[in-house]
Full PDB file with SEQRES, HELIX, SHEET, SSBOND, CRYST1, ORIGX, SCALE, CONECT and MASTER records, all heavy atoms in Angstrom:
SEQRES   1 A   38  ALA ALA GLU LEU GLY PHE ASP ALA VAL GLU ILE PHE PRO          
SEQRES   2 A   38  SER ALA ALA GLU THR LEU ASP PRO SER ALA VAL LYS ARG          
SEQRES   3 A   38  LEU ILE ALA MET HIS GLY LEU GLY ILE ALA ALA LEU              
HELIX    1 AA1 ALA A   16  THR A   18  5                                   3    
HELIX    2 AA2 PRO A   21  HIS A   31  1                                  11    
SHEET    1 AA1 2 ALA A   8  GLU A  10  0                                        
SHEET    2 AA1 2 GLY A  34  ALA A  37  1                                        
CRYST1    1.000    1.000    1.000  90.00  90.00  90.00 P 1           1          
ORIGX1      1.000000  0.000000  0.000000        0.00000                         
ORIGX2      0.000000  1.000000  0.000000        0.00000                         
ORIGX3      0.000000  0.000000  1.000000        0.00000                         
SCALE1      1.000000  0.000000  0.000000        0.00000                         
SCALE2      0.000000  1.000000  0.000000        0.00000                         
SCALE3      0.000000  0.000000  1.000000        0.00000                         
ATOM      1  N   ALA A   1       0.788  -1.181  -0.010  1.00  0.00           N  
ATOM      2  CA  ALA A   1       0.014  -0.045  -0.013  1.00  0.00           C  
ATOM      3  C   ALA A   1       0.848   1.222  -0.034  1.00  0.00           C  
ATOM      4  O   ALA A   1       0.646   2.196  -0.678  1.00  0.00           O  
ATOM      5  CB  ALA A   1      -0.990  -0.005   1.218  1.00  0.00           C  
ATOM      6  N   ALA A   2       1.877   1.223   0.806  1.00  0.00           N  
ATOM      7  CA  ALA A   2       2.822   2.382   0.866  1.00  0.00           C  
ATOM      8  C   ALA A   2       3.516   2.636  -0.478  1.00  0.00           C  
ATOM      9  O   ALA A   2       3.702   3.736  -0.977  1.00  0.00           O  
ATOM     10  CB  ALA A   2       3.819   2.226   2.029  1.00  0.00           C  
ATOM     11  N   GLU A   3       3.975   1.495  -1.022  1.00  0.00           N  
ATOM     12  CA  GLU A   3       4.722   1.576  -2.314  1.00  0.00           C  
ATOM     13  C   GLU A   3       3.826   2.201  -3.401  1.00  0.00           C  
ATOM     14  O   GLU A   3       4.341   2.941  -4.263  1.00  0.00           O  
ATOM     15  CB  GLU A   3       5.186   0.162  -2.705  1.00  0.00           C  
ATOM     16  CG  GLU A   3       5.991   0.170  -3.990  1.00  0.00           C  
ATOM     17  CD  GLU A   3       6.466  -1.237  -4.398  1.00  0.00           C  
ATOM     18  OE1 GLU A   3       6.559  -2.056  -3.512  1.00  0.00           O  
ATOM     19  OE2 GLU A   3       6.605  -1.436  -5.578  1.00  0.00           O  
ATOM     20  N   LEU A   4       2.525   1.896  -3.409  1.00  0.00           N  
ATOM     21  CA  LEU A   4       1.598   2.412  -4.398  1.00  0.00           C  
ATOM     22  C   LEU A   4       1.082   3.811  -4.098  1.00  0.00           C  
ATOM     23  O   LEU A   4       0.364   4.378  -4.878  1.00  0.00           O  
ATOM     24  CB  LEU A   4       0.457   1.441  -4.509  1.00  0.00           C  
ATOM     25  CG  LEU A   4       0.735   0.096  -5.083  1.00  0.00           C  
ATOM     26  CD1 LEU A   4      -0.502  -0.903  -5.124  1.00  0.00           C  
ATOM     27  CD2 LEU A   4       1.229   0.203  -6.508  1.00  0.00           C  
ATOM     28  N   GLY A   5       1.404   4.350  -2.881  1.00  0.00           N  
ATOM     29  CA  GLY A   5       1.167   5.683  -2.610  1.00  0.00           C  
ATOM     30  C   GLY A   5      -0.133   6.012  -1.834  1.00  0.00           C  
ATOM     31  O   GLY A   5      -0.558   7.116  -1.702  1.00  0.00           O  
ATOM     32  N   PHE A   6      -0.700   4.959  -1.192  1.00  0.00           N  
ATOM     33  CA  PHE A   6      -1.877   5.081  -0.377  1.00  0.00           C  
ATOM     34  C   PHE A   6      -1.576   5.829   0.912  1.00  0.00           C  
ATOM     35  O   PHE A   6      -0.554   5.654   1.499  1.00  0.00           O  
ATOM     36  CB  PHE A   6      -2.604   3.715  -0.099  1.00  0.00           C  
ATOM     37  CG  PHE A   6      -3.352   3.173  -1.283  1.00  0.00           C  
ATOM     38  CD1 PHE A   6      -2.674   2.331  -2.146  1.00  0.00           C  
ATOM     39  CD2 PHE A   6      -4.555   3.576  -1.604  1.00  0.00           C  
ATOM     40  CE1 PHE A   6      -3.335   1.826  -3.273  1.00  0.00           C  
ATOM     41  CE2 PHE A   6      -5.298   3.113  -2.739  1.00  0.00           C  
ATOM     42  CZ  PHE A   6      -4.601   2.147  -3.559  1.00  0.00           C  
ATOM     43  N   ASP A   7      -2.547   6.559   1.370  1.00  0.00           N  
ATOM     44  CA  ASP A   7      -2.417   7.314   2.579  1.00  0.00           C  
ATOM     45  C   ASP A   7      -2.596   6.418   3.776  1.00  0.00           C  
ATOM     46  O   ASP A   7      -2.075   6.628   4.936  1.00  0.00           O  
ATOM     47  CB  ASP A   7      -3.384   8.506   2.693  1.00  0.00           C  
ATOM     48  CG  ASP A   7      -3.184   9.536   1.592  1.00  0.00           C  
ATOM     49  OD1 ASP A   7      -2.026  10.003   1.500  1.00  0.00           O  
ATOM     50  OD2 ASP A   7      -4.098   9.896   0.874  1.00  0.00           O  
ATOM     51  N   ALA A   8      -3.524   5.441   3.618  1.00  0.00           N  
ATOM     52  CA  ALA A   8      -3.942   4.610   4.824  1.00  0.00           C  
ATOM     53  C   ALA A   8      -4.386   3.244   4.334  1.00  0.00           C  
ATOM     54  O   ALA A   8      -4.571   3.007   3.189  1.00  0.00           O  
ATOM     55  CB  ALA A   8      -5.022   5.354   5.575  1.00  0.00           C  
ATOM     56  N   VAL A   9      -4.574   2.406   5.365  1.00  0.00           N  
ATOM     57  CA  VAL A   9      -5.200   1.054   5.127  1.00  0.00           C  
ATOM     58  C   VAL A   9      -6.399   0.914   5.981  1.00  0.00           C  
ATOM     59  O   VAL A   9      -6.580   1.517   7.050  1.00  0.00           O  
ATOM     60  CB  VAL A   9      -4.135  -0.081   5.436  1.00  0.00           C  
ATOM     61  CG1 VAL A   9      -2.971  -0.086   4.438  1.00  0.00           C  
ATOM     62  CG2 VAL A   9      -3.657   0.037   6.853  1.00  0.00           C  
ATOM     63  N   GLU A  10      -7.312   0.092   5.497  1.00  0.00           N  
ATOM     64  CA  GLU A  10      -8.568  -0.196   6.248  1.00  0.00           C  
ATOM     65  C   GLU A  10      -8.447  -1.767   6.512  1.00  0.00           C  
ATOM     66  O   GLU A  10      -8.376  -2.509   5.591  1.00  0.00           O  
ATOM     67  CB  GLU A  10      -9.851   0.133   5.406  1.00  0.00           C  
ATOM     68  CG  GLU A  10     -11.119  -0.077   6.112  1.00  0.00           C  
ATOM     69  CD  GLU A  10     -12.257   0.364   5.191  1.00  0.00           C  
ATOM     70  OE1 GLU A  10     -12.116   1.296   4.408  1.00  0.00           O  
ATOM     71  OE2 GLU A  10     -13.384  -0.301   5.237  1.00  0.00           O  
ATOM     72  N   ILE A  11      -8.558  -2.134   7.780  1.00  0.00           N  
ATOM     73  CA  ILE A  11      -8.126  -3.490   8.198  1.00  0.00           C  
ATOM     74  C   ILE A  11      -9.410  -4.207   8.704  1.00  0.00           C  
ATOM     75  O   ILE A  11     -10.184  -3.639   9.523  1.00  0.00           O  
ATOM     76  CB  ILE A  11      -7.147  -3.440   9.306  1.00  0.00           C  
ATOM     77  CG1 ILE A  11      -5.918  -2.687   8.801  1.00  0.00           C  
ATOM     78  CG2 ILE A  11      -6.748  -4.916   9.715  1.00  0.00           C  
ATOM     79  CD1 ILE A  11      -4.883  -2.469   9.938  1.00  0.00           C  
ATOM     80  N   PHE A  12      -9.654  -5.383   8.288  1.00  0.00           N  
ATOM     81  CA  PHE A  12     -10.700  -6.271   8.784  1.00  0.00           C  
ATOM     82  C   PHE A  12     -10.077  -7.436   9.518  1.00  0.00           C  
ATOM     83  O   PHE A  12      -9.696  -8.452   8.893  1.00  0.00           O  
ATOM     84  CB  PHE A  12     -11.549  -6.654   7.609  1.00  0.00           C  
ATOM     85  CG  PHE A  12     -12.305  -5.578   6.960  1.00  0.00           C  
ATOM     86  CD1 PHE A  12     -11.627  -4.688   6.013  1.00  0.00           C  
ATOM     87  CD2 PHE A  12     -13.657  -5.280   7.183  1.00  0.00           C  
ATOM     88  CE1 PHE A  12     -12.239  -3.572   5.495  1.00  0.00           C  
ATOM     89  CE2 PHE A  12     -14.291  -4.213   6.617  1.00  0.00           C  
ATOM     90  CZ  PHE A  12     -13.611  -3.381   5.796  1.00  0.00           C  
ATOM     91  N   PRO A  13     -10.111  -7.363  10.856  1.00  0.00           N  
ATOM     92  CA  PRO A  13      -9.566  -8.563  11.585  1.00  0.00           C  
ATOM     93  C   PRO A  13     -10.606  -9.638  11.924  1.00  0.00           C  
ATOM     94  O   PRO A  13     -11.785  -9.384  11.834  1.00  0.00           O  
ATOM     95  CB  PRO A  13      -9.072  -7.807  12.898  1.00  0.00           C  
ATOM     96  CG  PRO A  13     -10.154  -6.749  13.074  1.00  0.00           C  
ATOM     97  CD  PRO A  13     -10.512  -6.252  11.750  1.00  0.00           C  
ATOM     98  N   SER A  14     -10.109 -10.798  12.247  1.00  0.00           N  
ATOM     99  CA  SER A  14     -11.034 -11.876  12.704  1.00  0.00           C  
ATOM    100  C   SER A  14     -11.628 -11.568  13.930  1.00  0.00           C  
ATOM    101  O   SER A  14     -12.790 -11.987  14.274  1.00  0.00           O  
ATOM    102  CB  SER A  14     -10.267 -13.163  12.778  1.00  0.00           C  
ATOM    103  OG  SER A  14      -9.848 -13.670  11.491  1.00  0.00           O  
ATOM    104  N   ALA A  15     -10.872 -10.890  14.875  1.00  0.00           N  
ATOM    105  CA  ALA A  15     -11.440 -10.374  16.121  1.00  0.00           C  
ATOM    106  C   ALA A  15     -10.450  -9.374  16.667  1.00  0.00           C  
ATOM    107  O   ALA A  15      -9.287  -9.279  16.207  1.00  0.00           O  
ATOM    108  CB  ALA A  15     -11.617 -11.530  17.114  1.00  0.00           C  
ATOM    109  N   ALA A  16     -10.892  -8.523  17.585  1.00  0.00           N  
ATOM    110  CA  ALA A  16     -10.021  -7.465  18.084  1.00  0.00           C  
ATOM    111  C   ALA A  16      -8.802  -8.082  18.704  1.00  0.00           C  
ATOM    112  O   ALA A  16      -7.654  -7.544  18.608  1.00  0.00           O  
ATOM    113  CB  ALA A  16     -10.813  -6.666  19.180  1.00  0.00           C  
ATOM    114  N   GLU A  17      -8.907  -9.192  19.362  1.00  0.00           N  
ATOM    115  CA  GLU A  17      -7.810  -9.873  19.982  1.00  0.00           C  
ATOM    116  C   GLU A  17      -6.668 -10.306  19.087  1.00  0.00           C  
ATOM    117  O   GLU A  17      -5.565 -10.576  19.549  1.00  0.00           O  
ATOM    118  CB  GLU A  17      -8.276 -11.066  20.837  1.00  0.00           C  
ATOM    119  CG  GLU A  17      -9.218 -10.697  21.998  1.00  0.00           C  
ATOM    120  CD  GLU A  17     -10.637 -10.456  21.497  1.00  0.00           C  
ATOM    121  OE1 GLU A  17     -10.985 -10.701  20.263  1.00  0.00           O  
ATOM    122  OE2 GLU A  17     -11.442  -9.921  22.228  1.00  0.00           O  
ATOM    123  N   THR A  18      -6.916 -10.396  17.761  1.00  0.00           N  
ATOM    124  CA  THR A  18      -5.971 -10.902  16.896  1.00  0.00           C  
ATOM    125  C   THR A  18      -5.041  -9.683  16.384  1.00  0.00           C  
ATOM    126  O   THR A  18      -4.030 -10.018  15.685  1.00  0.00           O  
ATOM    127  CB  THR A  18      -6.608 -11.453  15.639  1.00  0.00           C  
ATOM    128  OG1 THR A  18      -7.382 -10.505  14.908  1.00  0.00           O  
ATOM    129  CG2 THR A  18      -7.575 -12.693  16.030  1.00  0.00           C  
ATOM    130  N   LEU A  19      -5.372  -8.539  16.787  1.00  0.00           N  
ATOM    131  CA  LEU A  19      -4.467  -7.328  16.447  1.00  0.00           C  
ATOM    132  C   LEU A  19      -3.750  -6.874  17.753  1.00  0.00           C  
ATOM    133  O   LEU A  19      -4.404  -6.700  18.806  1.00  0.00           O  
ATOM    134  CB  LEU A  19      -5.287  -6.225  15.918  1.00  0.00           C  
ATOM    135  CG  LEU A  19      -5.758  -6.397  14.422  1.00  0.00           C  
ATOM    136  CD1 LEU A  19      -6.583  -5.086  14.080  1.00  0.00           C  
ATOM    137  CD2 LEU A  19      -4.750  -6.626  13.492  1.00  0.00           C  
ATOM    138  N   ASP A  20      -2.517  -6.714  17.652  1.00  0.00           N  
ATOM    139  CA  ASP A  20      -1.677  -6.005  18.683  1.00  0.00           C  
ATOM    140  C   ASP A  20      -1.508  -4.559  18.279  1.00  0.00           C  
ATOM    141  O   ASP A  20      -0.747  -4.286  17.373  1.00  0.00           O  
ATOM    142  CB  ASP A  20      -0.301  -6.708  18.725  1.00  0.00           C  
ATOM    143  CG  ASP A  20       0.636  -6.096  19.763  1.00  0.00           C  
ATOM    144  OD1 ASP A  20       0.325  -5.011  20.372  1.00  0.00           O  
ATOM    145  OD2 ASP A  20       1.704  -6.719  20.021  1.00  0.00           O  
ATOM    146  N   PRO A  21      -2.238  -3.669  19.011  1.00  0.00           N  
ATOM    147  CA  PRO A  21      -2.163  -2.263  18.596  1.00  0.00           C  
ATOM    148  C   PRO A  21      -0.816  -1.725  18.567  1.00  0.00           C  
ATOM    149  O   PRO A  21      -0.412  -0.947  17.675  1.00  0.00           O  
ATOM    150  CB  PRO A  21      -3.061  -1.582  19.691  1.00  0.00           C  
ATOM    151  CG  PRO A  21      -3.956  -2.674  20.090  1.00  0.00           C  
ATOM    152  CD  PRO A  21      -3.204  -3.933  20.084  1.00  0.00           C  
ATOM    153  N   SER A  22       0.102  -2.075  19.460  1.00  0.00           N  
ATOM    154  CA  SER A  22       1.488  -1.574  19.416  1.00  0.00           C  
ATOM    155  C   SER A  22       2.210  -2.036  18.240  1.00  0.00           C  
ATOM    156  O   SER A  22       2.934  -1.198  17.638  1.00  0.00           O  
ATOM    157  CB  SER A  22       2.180  -2.042  20.714  1.00  0.00           C  
ATOM    158  OG  SER A  22       1.604  -1.529  21.918  1.00  0.00           O  
ATOM    159  N   ALA A  23       2.045  -3.280  17.818  1.00  0.00           N  
ATOM    160  CA  ALA A  23       2.708  -3.816  16.607  1.00  0.00           C  
ATOM    161  C   ALA A  23       2.124  -3.156  15.416  1.00  0.00           C  
ATOM    162  O   ALA A  23       2.967  -2.810  14.503  1.00  0.00           O  
ATOM    163  CB  ALA A  23       2.591  -5.288  16.573  1.00  0.00           C  
ATOM    164  N   VAL A  24       0.915  -2.904  15.416  1.00  0.00           N  
ATOM    165  CA  VAL A  24       0.201  -2.217  14.173  1.00  0.00           C  
ATOM    166  C   VAL A  24       0.656  -0.782  14.114  1.00  0.00           C  
ATOM    167  O   VAL A  24       0.952  -0.337  12.984  1.00  0.00           O  
ATOM    168  CB  VAL A  24      -1.332  -2.257  14.316  1.00  0.00           C  
ATOM    169  CG1 VAL A  24      -1.956  -1.491  13.123  1.00  0.00           C  
ATOM    170  CG2 VAL A  24      -1.790  -3.725  14.238  1.00  0.00           C  
ATOM    171  N   LYS A  25       0.832  -0.152  15.240  1.00  0.00           N  
ATOM    172  CA  LYS A  25       1.342   1.310  15.185  1.00  0.00           C  
ATOM    173  C   LYS A  25       2.755   1.343  14.651  1.00  0.00           C  
ATOM    174  O   LYS A  25       3.087   2.217  13.887  1.00  0.00           O  
ATOM    175  CB  LYS A  25       1.262   1.815  16.679  1.00  0.00           C  
ATOM    176  CG  LYS A  25      -0.101   2.196  17.134  1.00  0.00           C  
ATOM    177  CD  LYS A  25      -0.029   2.680  18.492  1.00  0.00           C  
ATOM    178  CE  LYS A  25      -1.406   2.955  19.111  1.00  0.00           C  
ATOM    179  NZ  LYS A  25      -1.353   3.427  20.519  1.00  0.00           N  
ATOM    180  N   ARG A  26       3.570   0.401  15.120  1.00  0.00           N  
ATOM    181  CA  ARG A  26       4.951   0.347  14.630  1.00  0.00           C  
ATOM    182  C   ARG A  26       4.940   0.105  13.102  1.00  0.00           C  
ATOM    183  O   ARG A  26       5.775   0.714  12.339  1.00  0.00           O  
ATOM    184  CB  ARG A  26       5.781  -0.708  15.340  1.00  0.00           C  
ATOM    185  CG  ARG A  26       6.127  -0.374  16.759  1.00  0.00           C  
ATOM    186  CD  ARG A  26       7.128  -1.304  17.355  1.00  0.00           C  
ATOM    187  NE  ARG A  26       6.719  -2.687  17.402  1.00  0.00           N  
ATOM    188  CZ  ARG A  26       6.044  -3.220  18.438  1.00  0.00           C  
ATOM    189  NH1 ARG A  26       5.763  -2.542  19.468  1.00  0.00           N  
ATOM    190  NH2 ARG A  26       5.685  -4.474  18.328  1.00  0.00           N  
ATOM    191  N   LEU A  27       4.135  -0.840  12.655  1.00  0.00           N  
ATOM    192  CA  LEU A  27       4.054  -1.181  11.225  1.00  0.00           C  
ATOM    193  C   LEU A  27       3.681  -0.061  10.366  1.00  0.00           C  
ATOM    194  O   LEU A  27       4.277   0.310   9.346  1.00  0.00           O  
ATOM    195  CB  LEU A  27       3.120  -2.382  11.008  1.00  0.00           C  
ATOM    196  CG  LEU A  27       2.973  -2.888   9.600  1.00  0.00           C  
ATOM    197  CD1 LEU A  27       4.256  -3.423   9.069  1.00  0.00           C  
ATOM    198  CD2 LEU A  27       1.929  -3.915   9.625  1.00  0.00           C  
ATOM    199  N   ILE A  28       2.605   0.654  10.780  1.00  0.00           N  
ATOM    200  CA  ILE A  28       2.144   1.763   9.888  1.00  0.00           C  
ATOM    201  C   ILE A  28       3.049   2.944   9.998  1.00  0.00           C  
ATOM    202  O   ILE A  28       3.198   3.702   8.938  1.00  0.00           O  
ATOM    203  CB  ILE A  28       0.695   2.164  10.218  1.00  0.00           C  
ATOM    204  CG1 ILE A  28       0.519   2.649  11.676  1.00  0.00           C  
ATOM    205  CG2 ILE A  28      -0.294   0.913  10.015  1.00  0.00           C  
ATOM    206  CD1 ILE A  28      -0.790   3.263  11.956  1.00  0.00           C  
ATOM    207  N   ALA A  29       3.668   3.125  11.100  1.00  0.00           N  
ATOM    208  CA  ALA A  29       4.605   4.280  11.225  1.00  0.00           C  
ATOM    209  C   ALA A  29       5.784   4.031  10.295  1.00  0.00           C  
ATOM    210  O   ALA A  29       6.342   4.926   9.629  1.00  0.00           O  
ATOM    211  CB  ALA A  29       5.115   4.455  12.665  1.00  0.00           C  
ATOM    212  N   MET A  30       6.295   2.750  10.190  1.00  0.00           N  
ATOM    213  CA  MET A  30       7.346   2.358   9.373  1.00  0.00           C  
ATOM    214  C   MET A  30       7.124   2.725   7.852  1.00  0.00           C  
ATOM    215  O   MET A  30       7.972   3.062   7.194  1.00  0.00           O  
ATOM    216  CB  MET A  30       7.758   0.882   9.545  1.00  0.00           C  
ATOM    217  CG  MET A  30       8.869   0.387   8.703  1.00  0.00           C  
ATOM    218  SD  MET A  30       9.277  -1.268   9.174  1.00  0.00           S  
ATOM    219  CE  MET A  30       7.859  -2.152   8.583  1.00  0.00           C  
ATOM    220  N   HIS A  31       5.806   2.558   7.551  1.00  0.00           N  
ATOM    221  CA  HIS A  31       5.466   2.750   6.192  1.00  0.00           C  
ATOM    222  C   HIS A  31       4.826   4.053   5.916  1.00  0.00           C  
ATOM    223  O   HIS A  31       4.355   4.417   4.756  1.00  0.00           O  
ATOM    224  CB  HIS A  31       4.518   1.695   5.612  1.00  0.00           C  
ATOM    225  CG  HIS A  31       5.111   0.253   5.619  1.00  0.00           C  
ATOM    226  ND1 HIS A  31       6.143   0.011   4.755  1.00  0.00           N  
ATOM    227  CD2 HIS A  31       5.009  -0.786   6.327  1.00  0.00           C  
ATOM    228  CE1 HIS A  31       6.574  -1.250   4.786  1.00  0.00           C  
ATOM    229  NE2 HIS A  31       5.845  -1.722   5.904  1.00  0.00           N  
ATOM    230  N   GLY A  32       4.675   4.945   6.953  1.00  0.00           N  
ATOM    231  CA  GLY A  32       4.113   6.288   6.716  1.00  0.00           C  
ATOM    232  C   GLY A  32       2.597   6.253   6.451  1.00  0.00           C  
ATOM    233  O   GLY A  32       2.103   7.131   5.710  1.00  0.00           O  
ATOM    234  N   LEU A  33       1.988   5.266   6.940  1.00  0.00           N  
ATOM    235  CA  LEU A  33       0.507   5.075   6.683  1.00  0.00           C  
ATOM    236  C   LEU A  33      -0.341   5.493   7.906  1.00  0.00           C  
ATOM    237  O   LEU A  33       0.117   5.607   8.962  1.00  0.00           O  
ATOM    238  CB  LEU A  33       0.196   3.591   6.376  1.00  0.00           C  
ATOM    239  CG  LEU A  33       0.783   3.017   5.064  1.00  0.00           C  
ATOM    240  CD1 LEU A  33       0.670   1.526   5.071  1.00  0.00           C  
ATOM    241  CD2 LEU A  33       0.131   3.674   3.814  1.00  0.00           C  
ATOM    242  N   GLY A  34      -1.614   5.743   7.553  1.00  0.00           N  
ATOM    243  CA  GLY A  34      -2.632   5.858   8.651  1.00  0.00           C  
ATOM    244  C   GLY A  34      -3.544   4.606   8.643  1.00  0.00           C  
ATOM    245  O   GLY A  34      -3.420   3.731   7.796  1.00  0.00           O  
ATOM    246  N   ILE A  35      -4.403   4.590   9.634  1.00  0.00           N  
ATOM    247  CA  ILE A  35      -5.446   3.588   9.745  1.00  0.00           C  
ATOM    248  C   ILE A  35      -6.834   4.332   9.404  1.00  0.00           C  
ATOM    249  O   ILE A  35      -7.199   5.185  10.127  1.00  0.00           O  
ATOM    250  CB  ILE A  35      -5.620   2.933  11.143  1.00  0.00           C  
ATOM    251  CG1 ILE A  35      -4.181   2.292  11.448  1.00  0.00           C  
ATOM    252  CG2 ILE A  35      -6.655   1.869  11.074  1.00  0.00           C  
ATOM    253  CD1 ILE A  35      -3.861   1.062  10.774  1.00  0.00           C  
ATOM    254  N   ALA A  36      -7.481   3.926   8.241  1.00  0.00           N  
ATOM    255  CA  ALA A  36      -8.633   4.619   7.900  1.00  0.00           C  
ATOM    256  C   ALA A  36      -9.760   4.172   8.742  1.00  0.00           C  
ATOM    257  O   ALA A  36     -10.758   4.916   9.060  1.00  0.00           O  
ATOM    258  CB  ALA A  36      -8.900   4.331   6.443  1.00  0.00           C  
ATOM    259  N   ALA A  37      -9.885   2.794   9.009  1.00  0.00           N  
ATOM    260  CA  ALA A  37     -10.954   2.186   9.807  1.00  0.00           C  
ATOM    261  C   ALA A  37     -10.602   0.843  10.122  1.00  0.00           C  
ATOM    262  O   ALA A  37      -9.806   0.175   9.488  1.00  0.00           O  
ATOM    263  CB  ALA A  37     -12.298   2.359   9.022  1.00  0.00           C  
ATOM    264  N   LEU A  38     -11.358   0.210  11.103  1.00  0.00           N  
ATOM    265  CA  LEU A  38     -11.314  -1.189  11.346  1.00  0.00           C  
ATOM    266  C   LEU A  38     -12.671  -1.722  11.143  1.00  0.00           C  
ATOM    267  O   LEU A  38     -13.693  -1.179  11.659  1.00  0.00           O  
ATOM    268  CB  LEU A  38     -10.867  -1.483  12.819  1.00  0.00           C  
ATOM    269  CG  LEU A  38      -9.486  -1.988  13.039  1.00  0.00           C  
ATOM    270  CD1 LEU A  38      -8.450  -0.920  12.543  1.00  0.00           C  
ATOM    271  CD2 LEU A  38      -9.259  -2.285  14.471  1.00  0.00           C  
TER     272      LEU A  38                                                      
MASTER        0    0    0    2    2    0    0    6  271    1    0    3          
END                                                                             
């Protein structure tokens, strides 16, 4: 997504517990992305 120039990603998880917010924050920061919605 970052390579193609998108500003953000919209994520659909299996459940809230399957996402680690700290890890997601690090990941999107590394790529300069935002989170549009869950």
